[in-house]
Amino acid sequence: MNLESFRLPSGKALRQLLSYALIGIIINSIGYSAYLLLTHLWGAPKLTMTLLYFIGAAIGFLSNRRFTFRHDGHIGAAGVRYVAVQLSGYLLNLALLLLIVDWLGLAHQIAQAIAIVVVAAFLFVVLRIFVFAPHLCRNGVTDPRRHA
């Protein structure tokens, strides 16, 4: 490893991280509240998580594409990459629920709270370098007016 590996985030990366965090806090606060309510009324934590995960992912695609990453590339291509990434995030979330609830015996409420943070960090990195990467924007460059 070299010292370049330990650089602080650029202004653009920091702005993206803060925007992603704000959008994520809003979406996940609503989603987690709905999760707690639905599991209280209905039970079935894994099924509830599945339903809410994909609703949150759809909202996240639109908001993060526009506000966090300001992506102006082909929406269909980004959408296909996003679905693939979200499926891996979903499987990570499900694996964490299985591990923490079924194997370790902790409450599903705690497990889902942990999973939200772990999956969010994973998704930010992959969305930034694979789904909404600047080199995947129109004509290979991003519109500088959209990154001010």
C-alpha atoms as a PDB file:
ATOM      1  CA  MET A   1       0.000   0.000   0.000  1.00  0.00           C
ATOM      2  CA  ASN A   2       1.114   3.518  -0.678  1.00  0.00           C
ATOM      3  CA  LEU A   3       0.208   6.827   0.910  1.00  0.00           C
ATOM      4  CA  GLU A   4      -2.237   7.592  -1.918  1.00  0.00           C
ATOM      5  CA  SER A   5      -4.517   4.901  -0.463  1.00  0.00           C
ATOM      6  CA  PHE A   6      -5.027   7.033   2.642  1.00  0.00           C
ATOM      7  CA  ARG A   7      -6.110  10.280   0.959  1.00  0.00           C
ATOM      8  CA  LEU A   8      -8.966  12.264   2.419  1.00  0.00           C
ATOM      9  CA  PRO A   9     -12.058  12.414   0.225  1.00  0.00           C
ATOM     10  CA  SER A  10     -12.134  15.138  -2.405  1.00  0.00           C
ATOM     11  CA  GLY A  11     -14.702  17.907  -2.143  1.00  0.00           C
ATOM     12  CA  LYS A  12     -16.898  16.103  -4.673  1.00  0.00           C
ATOM     13  CA  ALA A  13     -16.652  12.776  -2.831  1.00  0.00           C
ATOM     14  CA  LEU A  14     -17.421  14.455   0.487  1.00  0.00           C
ATOM     15  CA  ARG A  15     -20.448  16.234  -1.005  1.00  0.00           C
ATOM     16  CA  GLN A  16     -21.651  12.929  -2.436  1.00  0.00           C
ATOM     17  CA  LEU A  17     -21.181  11.179   0.900  1.00  0.00           C
ATOM     18  CA  LEU A  18     -23.093  13.879   2.781  1.00  0.00           C
ATOM     19  CA  SER A  19     -25.902  13.908   0.214  1.00  0.00           C
ATOM     20  CA  TYR A  20     -26.067  10.098   0.255  1.00  0.00           C
ATOM     21  CA  ALA A  21     -26.155  10.134   4.059  1.00  0.00           C
ATOM     22  CA  LEU A  22     -28.956  12.716   4.173  1.00  0.00           C
ATOM     23  CA  ILE A  23     -31.072  10.886   1.589  1.00  0.00           C
ATOM     24  CA  GLY A  24     -30.310   7.585   3.335  1.00  0.00           C
ATOM     25  CA  ILE A  25     -31.292   8.914   6.749  1.00  0.00           C
ATOM     26  CA  ILE A  26     -34.622  10.134   5.408  1.00  0.00           C
ATOM     27  CA  ILE A  27     -35.439   6.972   3.436  1.00  0.00           C
ATOM     28  CA  ASN A  28     -34.187   4.585   6.122  1.00  0.00           C
ATOM     29  CA  SER A  29     -35.883   6.417   8.996  1.00  0.00           C
ATOM     30  CA  ILE A  30     -39.218   6.102   7.237  1.00  0.00           C
ATOM     31  CA  GLY A  31     -38.430   2.540   6.143  1.00  0.00           C
ATOM     32  CA  TYR A  32     -37.258   1.411   9.573  1.00  0.00           C
ATOM     33  CA  SER A  33     -40.338   2.934  11.218  1.00  0.00           C
ATOM     34  CA  ALA A  34     -42.522   1.090   8.718  1.00  0.00           C
ATOM     35  CA  TYR A  35     -40.492  -2.083   9.392  1.00  0.00           C
ATOM     36  CA  LEU A  36     -41.092  -1.813  13.144  1.00  0.00           C
ATOM     37  CA  LEU A  37     -44.795  -1.141  12.673  1.00  0.00           C
ATOM     38  CA  LEU A  38     -45.368  -3.913  10.123  1.00  0.00           C
ATOM     39  CA  THR A  39     -43.403  -6.529  12.059  1.00  0.00           C
ATOM     40  CA  HIS A  40     -45.337  -5.590  15.193  1.00  0.00           C
ATOM     41  CA  LEU A  41     -48.687  -5.940  13.413  1.00  0.00           C
ATOM     42  CA  TRP A  42     -47.827  -8.717  10.988  1.00  0.00           C
ATOM     43  CA  GLY A  43     -44.677 -10.460  12.155  1.00  0.00           C
ATOM     44  CA  ALA A  44     -42.540 -11.907   9.353  1.00  0.00           C
ATOM     45  CA  PRO A  45     -39.389  -9.752   9.647  1.00  0.00           C
ATOM     46  CA  LYS A  46     -37.663 -11.207   6.563  1.00  0.00           C
ATOM     47  CA  LEU A  47     -40.701 -10.790   4.326  1.00  0.00           C
ATOM     48  CA  THR A  48     -41.272  -7.267   5.643  1.00  0.00           C
ATOM     49  CA  MET A  49     -37.627  -6.381   5.030  1.00  0.00           C
ATOM     50  CA  THR A  50     -37.906  -7.728   1.473  1.00  0.00           C
ATOM     51  CA  LEU A  51     -40.928  -5.587   0.659  1.00  0.00           C
ATOM     52  CA  LEU A  52     -39.531  -2.423   2.217  1.00  0.00           C
ATOM     53  CA  TYR A  53     -36.025  -2.964   0.814  1.00  0.00           C
ATOM     54  CA  PHE A  54     -37.203  -2.774  -2.774  1.00  0.00           C
ATOM     55  CA  ILE A  55     -39.500   0.199  -2.146  1.00  0.00           C
ATOM     56  CA  GLY A  56     -36.575   2.061  -0.567  1.00  0.00           C
ATOM     57  CA  ALA A  57     -34.270   1.005  -3.408  1.00  0.00           C
ATOM     58  CA  ALA A  58     -36.623   2.449  -6.027  1.00  0.00           C
ATOM     59  CA  ILE A  59     -36.851   5.765  -4.182  1.00  0.00           C
ATOM     60  CA  GLY A  60     -33.079   5.689  -3.637  1.00  0.00           C
ATOM     61  CA  PHE A  61     -32.365   5.216  -7.356  1.00  0.00           C
ATOM     62  CA  LEU A  62     -34.270   8.323  -8.347  1.00  0.00           C
ATOM     63  CA  SER A  63     -33.006  10.541  -5.522  1.00  0.00           C
ATOM     64  CA  ASN A  64     -29.370   9.409  -5.514  1.00  0.00           C
ATOM     65  CA  ARG A  65     -29.088   9.494  -9.308  1.00  0.00           C
ATOM     66  CA  ARG A  66     -30.299  13.079  -9.370  1.00  0.00           C
ATOM     67  CA  PHE A  67     -29.055  14.642  -6.146  1.00  0.00           C
ATOM     68  CA  THR A  68     -26.125  12.591  -4.831  1.00  0.00           C
ATOM     69  CA  PHE A  69     -24.264  11.544  -7.952  1.00  0.00           C
ATOM     70  CA  ARG A  70     -25.827  13.985 -10.447  1.00  0.00           C
ATOM     71  CA  HIS A  71     -25.614  11.295 -13.057  1.00  0.00           C
ATOM     72  CA  ASP A  72     -26.603  12.278 -16.577  1.00  0.00           C
ATOM     73  CA  GLY A  73     -25.732   9.021 -18.302  1.00  0.00           C
ATOM     74  CA  HIS A  74     -28.219   6.611 -19.819  1.00  0.00           C
ATOM     75  CA  ILE A  75     -30.931   5.941 -17.237  1.00  0.00           C
ATOM     76  CA  GLY A  76     -31.623   2.420 -18.531  1.00  0.00           C
ATOM     77  CA  ALA A  77     -27.989   1.297 -18.306  1.00  0.00           C
ATOM     78  CA  ALA A  78     -27.637   2.857 -14.861  1.00  0.00           C
ATOM     79  CA  GLY A  79     -30.913   1.206 -13.867  1.00  0.00           C
ATOM     80  CA  VAL A  80     -29.686  -2.250 -14.859  1.00  0.00           C
ATOM     81  CA  ARG A  81     -26.439  -1.760 -12.907  1.00  0.00           C
ATOM     82  CA  TYR A  82     -28.441  -0.383  -9.969  1.00  0.00           C
ATOM     83  CA  VAL A  83     -30.754  -3.408  -9.860  1.00  0.00           C
ATOM     84  CA  ALA A  84     -27.748  -5.761  -9.833  1.00  0.00           C
ATOM     85  CA  VAL A  85     -26.127  -3.793  -7.012  1.00  0.00           C
ATOM     86  CA  GLN A  86     -29.360  -3.599  -5.025  1.00  0.00           C
ATOM     87  CA  LEU A  87     -29.836  -7.354  -5.344  1.00  0.00           C
ATOM     88  CA  SER A  88     -26.393  -7.853  -3.822  1.00  0.00           C
ATOM     89  CA  GLY A  89     -27.291  -5.338  -1.090  1.00  0.00           C
ATOM     90  CA  TYR A  90     -30.527  -7.209  -0.453  1.00  0.00           C
ATOM     91  CA  LEU A  91     -28.661 -10.526  -0.144  1.00  0.00           C
ATOM     92  CA  LEU A  92     -26.194  -8.901   2.258  1.00  0.00           C
ATOM     93  CA  ASN A  93     -29.118  -7.565   4.316  1.00  0.00           C
ATOM     94  CA  LEU A  94     -30.824 -10.965   4.361  1.00  0.00           C
ATOM     95  CA  ALA A  95     -27.566 -12.704   5.307  1.00  0.00           C
ATOM     96  CA  LEU A  96     -27.092 -10.286   8.199  1.00  0.00           C
ATOM     97  CA  LEU A  97     -30.636 -10.940   9.443  1.00  0.00           C
ATOM     98  CA  LEU A  98     -30.087 -14.689   9.232  1.00  0.00           C
ATOM     99  CA  LEU A  99     -26.737 -14.452  11.009  1.00  0.00           C
ATOM    100  CA  ILE A 100     -27.753 -12.040  13.750  1.00  0.00           C
ATOM    101  CA  VAL A 101     -31.295 -13.319  14.406  1.00  0.00           C
ATOM    102  CA  ASP A 102     -31.234 -17.012  13.564  1.00  0.00           C
ATOM    103  CA  TRP A 103     -27.660 -17.875  14.553  1.00  0.00           C
ATOM    104  CA  LEU A 104     -26.791 -15.354  17.242  1.00  0.00           C
ATOM    105  CA  GLY A 105     -30.304 -15.075  18.673  1.00  0.00           C
ATOM    106  CA  LEU A 106     -30.486 -11.278  18.856  1.00  0.00           C
ATOM    107  CA  ALA A 107     -33.706  -9.353  18.272  1.00  0.00           C
ATOM    108  CA  HIS A 108     -34.631  -8.706  14.647  1.00  0.00           C
ATOM    109  CA  GLN A 109     -35.023  -4.990  15.420  1.00  0.00           C
ATOM    110  CA  ILE A 110     -31.345  -4.761  16.389  1.00  0.00           C
ATOM    111  CA  ALA A 111     -30.290  -6.922  13.449  1.00  0.00           C
ATOM    112  CA  GLN A 112     -32.110  -4.734  10.936  1.00  0.00           C
ATOM    113  CA  ALA A 113     -30.667  -1.536  12.432  1.00  0.00           C
ATOM    114  CA  ILE A 114     -27.147  -2.981  12.056  1.00  0.00           C
ATOM    115  CA  ALA A 115     -27.910  -4.213   8.535  1.00  0.00           C
ATOM    116  CA  ILE A 116     -29.087  -0.758   7.437  1.00  0.00           C
ATOM    117  CA  VAL A 117     -25.718   0.774   8.320  1.00  0.00           C
ATOM    118  CA  VAL A 118     -23.606  -2.039   6.835  1.00  0.00           C
ATOM    119  CA  VAL A 119     -25.599  -2.218   3.596  1.00  0.00           C
ATOM    120  CA  ALA A 120     -25.639   1.583   3.221  1.00  0.00           C
ATOM    121  CA  ALA A 121     -21.837   1.765   3.424  1.00  0.00           C
ATOM    122  CA  PHE A 122     -21.467  -1.078   0.922  1.00  0.00           C
ATOM    123  CA  LEU A 123     -23.947   0.522  -1.474  1.00  0.00           C
ATOM    124  CA  PHE A 124     -22.340   3.976  -1.361  1.00  0.00           C
ATOM    125  CA  VAL A 125     -19.011   2.605  -2.510  1.00  0.00           C
ATOM    126  CA  VAL A 126     -20.471   0.441  -5.276  1.00  0.00           C
ATOM    127  CA  LEU A 127     -22.899   3.111  -6.494  1.00  0.00           C
ATOM    128  CA  ARG A 128     -20.081   5.638  -6.693  1.00  0.00           C
ATOM    129  CA  ILE A 129     -17.607   3.455  -8.597  1.00  0.00           C
ATOM    130  CA  PHE A 130     -19.920   1.262 -10.674  1.00  0.00           C
ATOM    131  CA  VAL A 131     -23.484   2.511 -11.069  1.00  0.00           C
ATOM    132  CA  PHE A 132     -23.122   6.299 -11.225  1.00  0.00           C
ATOM    133  CA  ALA A 133     -19.404   6.660 -11.974  1.00  0.00           C
ATOM    134  CA  PRO A 134     -18.502   9.865 -13.874  1.00  0.00           C
ATOM    135  CA  HIS A 135     -16.957   7.880 -16.735  1.00  0.00           C
ATOM    136  CA  LEU A 136     -20.407   6.373 -17.342  1.00  0.00           C
ATOM    137  CA  CYS A 137     -22.031   9.748 -17.948  1.00  0.00           C
ATOM    138  CA  ARG A 138     -23.004  11.264 -21.277  1.00  0.00           C
ATOM    139  CA  ASN A 139     -20.024  11.613 -23.641  1.00  0.00           C
ATOM    140  CA  GLY A 140     -17.706  10.253 -20.959  1.00  0.00           C
ATOM    141  CA  VAL A 141     -17.805  13.450 -18.920  1.00  0.00           C
ATOM    142  CA  THR A 142     -20.233  14.870 -16.455  1.00  0.00           C
ATOM    143  CA  ASP A 143     -21.930  18.187 -16.928  1.00  0.00           C
ATOM    144  CA  PRO A 144     -19.872  20.634 -14.800  1.00  0.00           C
ATOM    145  CA  ARG A 145     -22.955  22.799 -14.174  1.00  0.00           C
ATOM    146  CA  ARG A 146     -24.513  19.869 -12.343  1.00  0.00           C
ATOM    147  CA  HIS A 147     -21.498  19.419 -10.035  1.00  0.00           C
ATOM    148  CA  ALA A 148     -21.144  22.888  -8.631  1.00  0.00           C
END
